All heavy atoms as atom14 arrays in JSON, in Angstrom:
{
  "sequence": "RYDNHTVTFTILDDGNGMDAATLDENRRILCGEH",
  "atom14_mask": [
    [1, 1, 1, 1, 1, 1, 1, 1, 1, 1, 1, 0, 0, 0],
    [1, 1, 1, 1, 1, 1, 1, 1, 1, 1, 1, 1, 0, 0],
    [1, 1, 1, 1, 1, 1, 1, 1, 0, 0, 0, 0, 0, 0],
    [1, 1, 1, 1, 1, 1, 1, 1, 0, 0, 0, 0, 0, 0],
    [1, 1, 1, 1, 1, 1, 1, 1, 1, 1, 0, 0, 0, 0],
    [1, 1, 1, 1, 1, 1, 1, 0, 0, 0, 0, 0, 0, 0],
    [1, 1, 1, 1, 1, 1, 1, 0, 0, 0, 0, 0, 0, 0],
    [1, 1, 1, 1, 1, 1, 1, 0, 0, 0, 0, 0, 0, 0],
    [1, 1, 1, 1, 1, 1, 1, 1, 1, 1, 1, 0, 0, 0],
    [1, 1, 1, 1, 1, 1, 1, 0, 0, 0, 0, 0, 0, 0],
    [1, 1, 1, 1, 1, 1, 1, 1, 0, 0, 0, 0, 0, 0],
    [1, 1, 1, 1, 1, 1, 1, 1, 0, 0, 0, 0, 0, 0],
    [1, 1, 1, 1, 1, 1, 1, 1, 0, 0, 0, 0, 0, 0],
    [1, 1, 1, 1, 1, 1, 1, 1, 0, 0, 0, 0, 0, 0],
    [1, 1, 1, 1, 0, 0, 0, 0, 0, 0, 0, 0, 0, 0],
    [1, 1, 1, 1, 1, 1, 1, 1, 0, 0, 0, 0, 0, 0],
    [1, 1, 1, 1, 0, 0, 0, 0, 0, 0, 0, 0, 0, 0],
    [1, 1, 1, 1, 1, 1, 1, 1, 0, 0, 0, 0, 0, 0],
    [1, 1, 1, 1, 1, 1, 1, 1, 0, 0, 0, 0, 0, 0],
    [1, 1, 1, 1, 1, 0, 0, 0, 0, 0, 0, 0, 0, 0],
    [1, 1, 1, 1, 1, 0, 0, 0, 0, 0, 0, 0, 0, 0],
    [1, 1, 1, 1, 1, 1, 1, 0, 0, 0, 0, 0, 0, 0],
    [1, 1, 1, 1, 1, 1, 1, 1, 0, 0, 0, 0, 0, 0],
    [1, 1, 1, 1, 1, 1, 1, 1, 0, 0, 0, 0, 0, 0],
    [1, 1, 1, 1, 1, 1, 1, 1, 1, 0, 0, 0, 0, 0],
    [1, 1, 1, 1, 1, 1, 1, 1, 0, 0, 0, 0, 0, 0],
    [1, 1, 1, 1, 1, 1, 1, 1, 1, 1, 1, 0, 0, 0],
    [1, 1, 1, 1, 1, 1, 1, 1, 1, 1, 1, 0, 0, 0],
    [1, 1, 1, 1, 1, 1, 1, 1, 0, 0, 0, 0, 0, 0],
    [1, 1, 1, 1, 1, 1, 1, 1, 0, 0, 0, 0, 0, 0],
    [1, 1, 1, 1, 1, 1, 0, 0, 0, 0, 0, 0, 0, 0],
    [1, 1, 1, 1, 0, 0, 0, 0, 0, 0, 0, 0, 0, 0],
    [1, 1, 1, 1, 1, 1, 1, 1, 1, 0, 0, 0, 0, 0],
    [1, 1, 1, 1, 1, 1, 1, 1, 1, 1, 0, 0, 0, 0]
  ],
  "atom14_positions": [
    [[0.83, -1.19, 0.0], [0.0, 0.0, 0.0], [0.87, 1.25, 0.0], [1.86, 1.33, 0.72], [-0.89, 0.04, 1.24], [-1.85, -1.11, 1.33], [-2.96, -0.95, 0.27], [-3.76, -2.14, 0.17], [-3.67, -3.01, -0.83], [-2.83, -2.81, -1.82], [-4.44, -4.07, -0.86], [0.0, 0.0, 0.0], [0.0, 0.0, 0.0], [0.0, 0.0, 0.0]],
    [[0.45, 2.2, -0.82], [1.14, 3.49, -0.91], [0.21, 4.55, -0.35], [-0.91, 4.71, -0.82], [1.49, 3.8, -2.37], [2.26, 5.08, -2.54], [3.64, 5.07, -2.44], [1.61, 6.28, -2.79], [4.37, 6.25, -2.59], [2.33, 7.46, -2.94], [3.71, 7.43, -2.84], [4.43, 8.59, -2.99], [0.0, 0.0, 0.0], [0.0, 0.0, 0.0]],
    [[0.69, 5.28, 0.68], [-0.13, 6.31, 1.29], [0.77, 7.42, 1.8], [1.64, 7.18, 2.66], [-0.95, 5.73, 2.45], [-1.89, 6.76, 3.06], [-2.46, 7.58, 2.32], [-2.04, 6.74, 4.29], [0.0, 0.0, 0.0], [0.0, 0.0, 0.0], [0.0, 0.0, 0.0], [0.0, 0.0, 0.0], [0.0, 0.0, 0.0], [0.0, 0.0, 0.0]],
    [[0.6, 8.61, 1.26], [1.32, 9.79, 1.73], [2.84, 9.56, 1.75], [3.49, 9.75, 2.77], [0.8, 10.21, 3.11], [1.21, 11.62, 3.46], [1.45, 12.44, 2.58], [1.3, 11.9, 4.74], [0.0, 0.0, 0.0], [0.0, 0.0, 0.0], [0.0, 0.0, 0.0], [0.0, 0.0, 0.0], [0.0, 0.0, 0.0], [0.0, 0.0, 0.0]],
    [[3.39, 9.12, 0.64], [4.82, 8.91, 0.46], [5.39, 7.8, 1.34], [6.59, 7.76, 1.61], [5.62, 10.2, 0.66], [5.17, 11.31, -0.23], [5.39, 11.3, -1.59], [4.49, 12.45, 0.04], [4.88, 12.38, -2.12], [4.32, 13.1, -1.15], [0.0, 0.0, 0.0], [0.0, 0.0, 0.0], [0.0, 0.0, 0.0], [0.0, 0.0, 0.0]],
    [[4.53, 6.92, 1.82], [4.97, 5.79, 2.63], [4.42, 4.51, 2.02], [3.25, 4.44, 1.64], [4.45, 5.93, 4.08], [4.96, 7.14, 4.63], [4.88, 4.75, 4.93], [0.0, 0.0, 0.0], [0.0, 0.0, 0.0], [0.0, 0.0, 0.0], [0.0, 0.0, 0.0], [0.0, 0.0, 0.0], [0.0, 0.0, 0.0], [0.0, 0.0, 0.0]],
    [[5.27, 3.49, 1.94], [4.84, 2.2, 1.43], [4.82, 1.21, 2.59], [5.76, 1.14, 3.39], [5.8, 1.67, 0.34], [5.38, 0.28, -0.13], [5.85, 2.64, -0.83], [0.0, 0.0, 0.0], [0.0, 0.0, 0.0], [0.0, 0.0, 0.0], [0.0, 0.0, 0.0], [0.0, 0.0, 0.0], [0.0, 0.0, 0.0], [0.0, 0.0, 0.0]],
    [[3.74, 0.48, 2.69], [3.61, -0.56, 3.71], [3.44, -1.9, 3.0], [2.52, -2.07, 2.21], [2.38, -0.29, 4.62], [2.52, 1.0, 5.21], [2.27, -1.35, 5.7], [0.0, 0.0, 0.0], [0.0, 0.0, 0.0], [0.0, 0.0, 0.0], [0.0, 0.0, 0.0], [0.0, 0.0, 0.0], [0.0, 0.0, 0.0], [0.0, 0.0, 0.0]],
    [[4.36, -2.81, 3.29], [4.29, -4.16, 2.75], [3.76, -5.09, 3.84], [4.16, -5.0, 5.0], [5.68, -4.66, 2.33], [6.23, -3.96, 1.14], [7.13, -2.91, 1.29], [5.87, -4.34, -0.14], [7.64, -2.25, 0.2], [6.38, -3.69, -1.25], [7.26, -2.64, -1.08], [0.0, 0.0, 0.0], [0.0, 0.0, 0.0], [0.0, 0.0, 0.0]],
    [[2.86, -5.97, 3.43], [2.32, -6.96, 4.35], [2.43, -8.32, 3.66], [2.0, -8.48, 2.53], [0.85, -6.67, 4.7], [0.75, -5.33, 5.19], [0.31, -7.65, 5.71], [0.0, 0.0, 0.0], [0.0, 0.0, 0.0], [0.0, 0.0, 0.0], [0.0, 0.0, 0.0], [0.0, 0.0, 0.0], [0.0, 0.0, 0.0], [0.0, 0.0, 0.0]],
    [[3.01, -9.27, 4.37], [3.12, -10.63, 3.86], [2.43, -11.54, 4.87], [2.8, -11.57, 6.05], [4.58, -11.06, 3.67], [5.25, -10.11, 2.66], [4.68, -12.5, 3.17], [6.66, -9.8, 2.95], [0.0, 0.0, 0.0], [0.0, 0.0, 0.0], [0.0, 0.0, 0.0], [0.0, 0.0, 0.0], [0.0, 0.0, 0.0], [0.0, 0.0, 0.0]],
    [[1.4, -12.21, 4.42], [0.61, -13.1, 5.27], [0.65, -14.5, 4.7], [0.73, -14.68, 3.48], [-0.85, -12.64, 5.31], [-1.11, -11.19, 5.72], [-2.55, -10.81, 5.39], [-0.82, -11.01, 7.18], [0.0, 0.0, 0.0], [0.0, 0.0, 0.0], [0.0, 0.0, 0.0], [0.0, 0.0, 0.0], [0.0, 0.0, 0.0], [0.0, 0.0, 0.0]],
    [[0.58, -15.5, 5.58], [0.41, -16.87, 5.1], [-0.46, -17.63, 6.08], [-0.63, -17.21, 7.22], [1.77, -17.55, 4.88], [2.51, -17.85, 6.16], [2.08, -18.75, 6.9], [3.54, -17.19, 6.43], [0.0, 0.0, 0.0], [0.0, 0.0, 0.0], [0.0, 0.0, 0.0], [0.0, 0.0, 0.0], [0.0, 0.0, 0.0], [0.0, 0.0, 0.0]],
    [[-1.0, -18.74, 5.61], [-1.85, -19.56, 6.46], [-1.16, -20.87, 6.82], [-1.79, -21.91, 6.98], [-3.21, -19.82, 5.8], [-3.09, -20.57, 4.48], [-1.96, -20.84, 4.03], [-4.14, -20.9, 3.9], [0.0, 0.0, 0.0], [0.0, 0.0, 0.0], [0.0, 0.0, 0.0], [0.0, 0.0, 0.0], [0.0, 0.0, 0.0], [0.0, 0.0, 0.0]],
    [[0.15, -20.78, 6.97], [0.95, -21.98, 7.23], [1.02, -22.36, 8.69], [0.11, -22.11, 9.48], [0.0, 0.0, 0.0], [0.0, 0.0, 0.0], [0.0, 0.0, 0.0], [0.0, 0.0, 0.0], [0.0, 0.0, 0.0], [0.0, 0.0, 0.0], [0.0, 0.0, 0.0], [0.0, 0.0, 0.0], [0.0, 0.0, 0.0], [0.0, 0.0, 0.0]],
    [[2.16, -22.94, 9.07], [2.38, -23.5, 10.4], [2.27, -22.5, 11.54], [1.99, -22.88, 12.66], [3.77, -24.14, 10.47], [3.82, -25.43, 9.71], [2.89, -26.22, 9.76], [4.9, -25.67, 9.01], [0.0, 0.0, 0.0], [0.0, 0.0, 0.0], [0.0, 0.0, 0.0], [0.0, 0.0, 0.0], [0.0, 0.0, 0.0], [0.0, 0.0, 0.0]],
    [[2.54, -21.24, 11.28], [2.53, -20.26, 12.35], [3.77, -20.4, 13.21], [4.7, -21.13, 12.89], [0.0, 0.0, 0.0], [0.0, 0.0, 0.0], [0.0, 0.0, 0.0], [0.0, 0.0, 0.0], [0.0, 0.0, 0.0], [0.0, 0.0, 0.0], [0.0, 0.0, 0.0], [0.0, 0.0, 0.0], [0.0, 0.0, 0.0], [0.0, 0.0, 0.0]],
    [[3.79, -19.67, 14.32], [4.93, -19.76, 15.23], [4.43, -19.52, 16.65], [3.4, -18.88, 16.86], [6.03, -18.78, 14.84], [5.65, -17.32, 14.84], [6.98, -16.21, 14.3], [6.96, -16.47, 12.54], [0.0, 0.0, 0.0], [0.0, 0.0, 0.0], [0.0, 0.0, 0.0], [0.0, 0.0, 0.0], [0.0, 0.0, 0.0], [0.0, 0.0, 0.0]],
    [[5.2, -20.04, 17.59], [4.8, -19.86, 18.98], [5.02, -18.41, 19.4], [5.72, -17.65, 18.73], [5.55, -20.83, 19.89], [7.05, -20.65, 19.83], [7.54, -19.57, 20.2], [7.74, -21.6, 19.4], [0.0, 0.0, 0.0], [0.0, 0.0, 0.0], [0.0, 0.0, 0.0], [0.0, 0.0, 0.0], [0.0, 0.0, 0.0], [0.0, 0.0, 0.0]],
    [[4.45, -18.05, 20.53], [4.48, -16.66, 20.99], [5.91, -16.17, 21.24], [6.23, -15.02, 20.93], [3.64, -16.51, 22.26], [0.0, 0.0, 0.0], [0.0, 0.0, 0.0], [0.0, 0.0, 0.0], [0.0, 0.0, 0.0], [0.0, 0.0, 0.0], [0.0, 0.0, 0.0], [0.0, 0.0, 0.0], [0.0, 0.0, 0.0], [0.0, 0.0, 0.0]],
    [[6.77, -17.02, 21.76], [8.15, -16.61, 22.06], [8.91, -16.3, 20.77], [9.64, -15.3, 20.69], [8.88, -17.69, 22.85], [0.0, 0.0, 0.0], [0.0, 0.0, 0.0], [0.0, 0.0, 0.0], [0.0, 0.0, 0.0], [0.0, 0.0, 0.0], [0.0, 0.0, 0.0], [0.0, 0.0, 0.0], [0.0, 0.0, 0.0], [0.0, 0.0, 0.0]],
    [[8.74, -17.14, 19.75], [9.41, -16.91, 18.46], [8.88, -15.65, 17.81], [9.65, -14.85, 17.27], [9.22, -18.12, 17.52], [9.71, -19.3, 18.18], [9.93, -17.93, 16.2], [0.0, 0.0, 0.0], [0.0, 0.0, 0.0], [0.0, 0.0, 0.0], [0.0, 0.0, 0.0], [0.0, 0.0, 0.0], [0.0, 0.0, 0.0], [0.0, 0.0, 0.0]],
    [[7.58, -15.46, 17.85], [6.97, -14.25, 17.28], [7.52, -13.0, 17.97], [7.9, -12.04, 17.3], [5.45, -14.31, 17.41], [4.68, -13.11, 16.88], [4.92, -12.93, 15.39], [3.18, -13.3, 17.16], [0.0, 0.0, 0.0], [0.0, 0.0, 0.0], [0.0, 0.0, 0.0], [0.0, 0.0, 0.0], [0.0, 0.0, 0.0], [0.0, 0.0, 0.0]],
    [[7.6, -13.03, 19.3], [8.13, -11.88, 20.04], [9.59, -11.63, 19.67], [9.99, -10.48, 19.44], [8.0, -12.13, 21.54], [8.52, -10.96, 22.34], [8.0, -9.84, 22.16], [9.46, -11.16, 23.14], [0.0, 0.0, 0.0], [0.0, 0.0, 0.0], [0.0, 0.0, 0.0], [0.0, 0.0, 0.0], [0.0, 0.0, 0.0], [0.0, 0.0, 0.0]],
    [[10.39, -12.69, 19.57], [11.81, -12.52, 19.2], [11.93, -11.91, 17.8], [12.72, -10.99, 17.58], [12.53, -13.86, 19.26], [14.0, -13.75, 18.87], [14.7, -15.09, 18.85], [14.04, -16.14, 18.8], [15.95, -15.08, 18.85], [0.0, 0.0, 0.0], [0.0, 0.0, 0.0], [0.0, 0.0, 0.0], [0.0, 0.0, 0.0], [0.0, 0.0, 0.0]],
    [[11.15, -12.42, 16.85], [11.2, -11.89, 15.48], [10.8, -10.42, 15.43], [11.41, -9.63, 14.72], [10.32, -12.72, 14.55], [10.91, -14.07, 14.26], [12.09, -14.33, 14.47], [10.08, -14.98, 13.76], [0.0, 0.0, 0.0], [0.0, 0.0, 0.0], [0.0, 0.0, 0.0], [0.0, 0.0, 0.0], [0.0, 0.0, 0.0], [0.0, 0.0, 0.0]],
    [[9.78, -10.06, 16.18], [9.36, -8.65, 16.21], [10.46, -7.77, 16.79], [10.71, -6.67, 16.29], [8.09, -8.5, 17.04], [6.86, -8.97, 16.3], [5.61, -8.75, 17.12], [4.45, -9.11, 16.32], [3.31, -9.52, 16.83], [3.16, -9.62, 18.14], [2.3, -9.83, 16.05], [0.0, 0.0, 0.0], [0.0, 0.0, 0.0], [0.0, 0.0, 0.0]],
    [[11.13, -8.24, 17.83], [12.21, -7.46, 18.44], [13.4, -7.34, 17.49], [14.05, -6.29, 17.44], [12.61, -8.06, 19.78], [11.51, -7.86, 20.83], [11.84, -8.37, 22.22], [12.43, -9.69, 22.19], [13.54, -10.03, 22.87], [14.14, -9.18, 23.64], [14.02, -11.25, 22.79], [0.0, 0.0, 0.0], [0.0, 0.0, 0.0], [0.0, 0.0, 0.0]],
    [[13.67, -8.38, 16.71], [14.75, -8.31, 15.72], [14.41, -7.25, 14.68], [15.24, -6.41, 14.33], [15.0, -9.68, 15.06], [15.61, -10.65, 16.06], [15.9, -9.54, 13.84], [15.66, -12.1, 15.57], [0.0, 0.0, 0.0], [0.0, 0.0, 0.0], [0.0, 0.0, 0.0], [0.0, 0.0, 0.0], [0.0, 0.0, 0.0], [0.0, 0.0, 0.0]],
    [[13.18, -7.29, 14.17], [12.76, -6.32, 13.15], [12.79, -4.89, 13.65], [13.06, -3.97, 12.88], [11.36, -6.66, 12.64], [11.29, -7.79, 11.62], [9.83, -8.17, 11.36], [11.97, -7.41, 10.33], [0.0, 0.0, 0.0], [0.0, 0.0, 0.0], [0.0, 0.0, 0.0], [0.0, 0.0, 0.0], [0.0, 0.0, 0.0], [0.0, 0.0, 0.0]],
    [[12.53, -4.69, 14.91], [12.54, -3.34, 15.49], [13.93, -2.9, 15.91], [14.11, -1.78, 16.38], [11.6, -3.27, 16.69], [9.87, -3.47, 16.26], [0.0, 0.0, 0.0], [0.0, 0.0, 0.0], [0.0, 0.0, 0.0], [0.0, 0.0, 0.0], [0.0, 0.0, 0.0], [0.0, 0.0, 0.0], [0.0, 0.0, 0.0], [0.0, 0.0, 0.0]],
    [[14.91, -3.78, 15.77], [16.27, -3.44, 16.17], [16.5, -3.5, 17.66], [17.5, -2.99, 18.17], [0.0, 0.0, 0.0], [0.0, 0.0, 0.0], [0.0, 0.0, 0.0], [0.0, 0.0, 0.0], [0.0, 0.0, 0.0], [0.0, 0.0, 0.0], [0.0, 0.0, 0.0], [0.0, 0.0, 0.0], [0.0, 0.0, 0.0], [0.0, 0.0, 0.0]],
    [[15.59, -4.13, 18.38], [15.7, -4.21, 19.83], [16.47, -5.45, 20.29], [16.78, -5.58, 21.47], [14.31, -4.24, 20.47], [13.5, -3.0, 20.19], [12.04, -3.15, 20.6], [11.65, -4.23, 21.09], [11.28, -2.18, 20.4], [0.0, 0.0, 0.0], [0.0, 0.0, 0.0], [0.0, 0.0, 0.0], [0.0, 0.0, 0.0], [0.0, 0.0, 0.0]],
    [[16.71, -6.38, 19.38], [17.35, -7.64, 19.76], [18.33, -8.06, 18.68], [18.0, -8.05, 17.49], [16.28, -8.73, 19.95], [16.82, -10.09, 20.21], [17.48, -10.42, 21.37], [16.81, -11.2, 19.44], [17.85, -11.69, 21.3], [17.45, -12.18, 20.15], [0.0, 0.0, 0.0], [0.0, 0.0, 0.0], [0.0, 0.0, 0.0], [0.0, 0.0, 0.0]]
  ]
}
């Protein structure tokens, strides 16, 4: 999506998923916190 000079990419899947701890770790990696 393009909105006001900003692009937002979203990638979704209906696969295996991940446990809460892995999801939290991945989010912290993406935010540069870990």
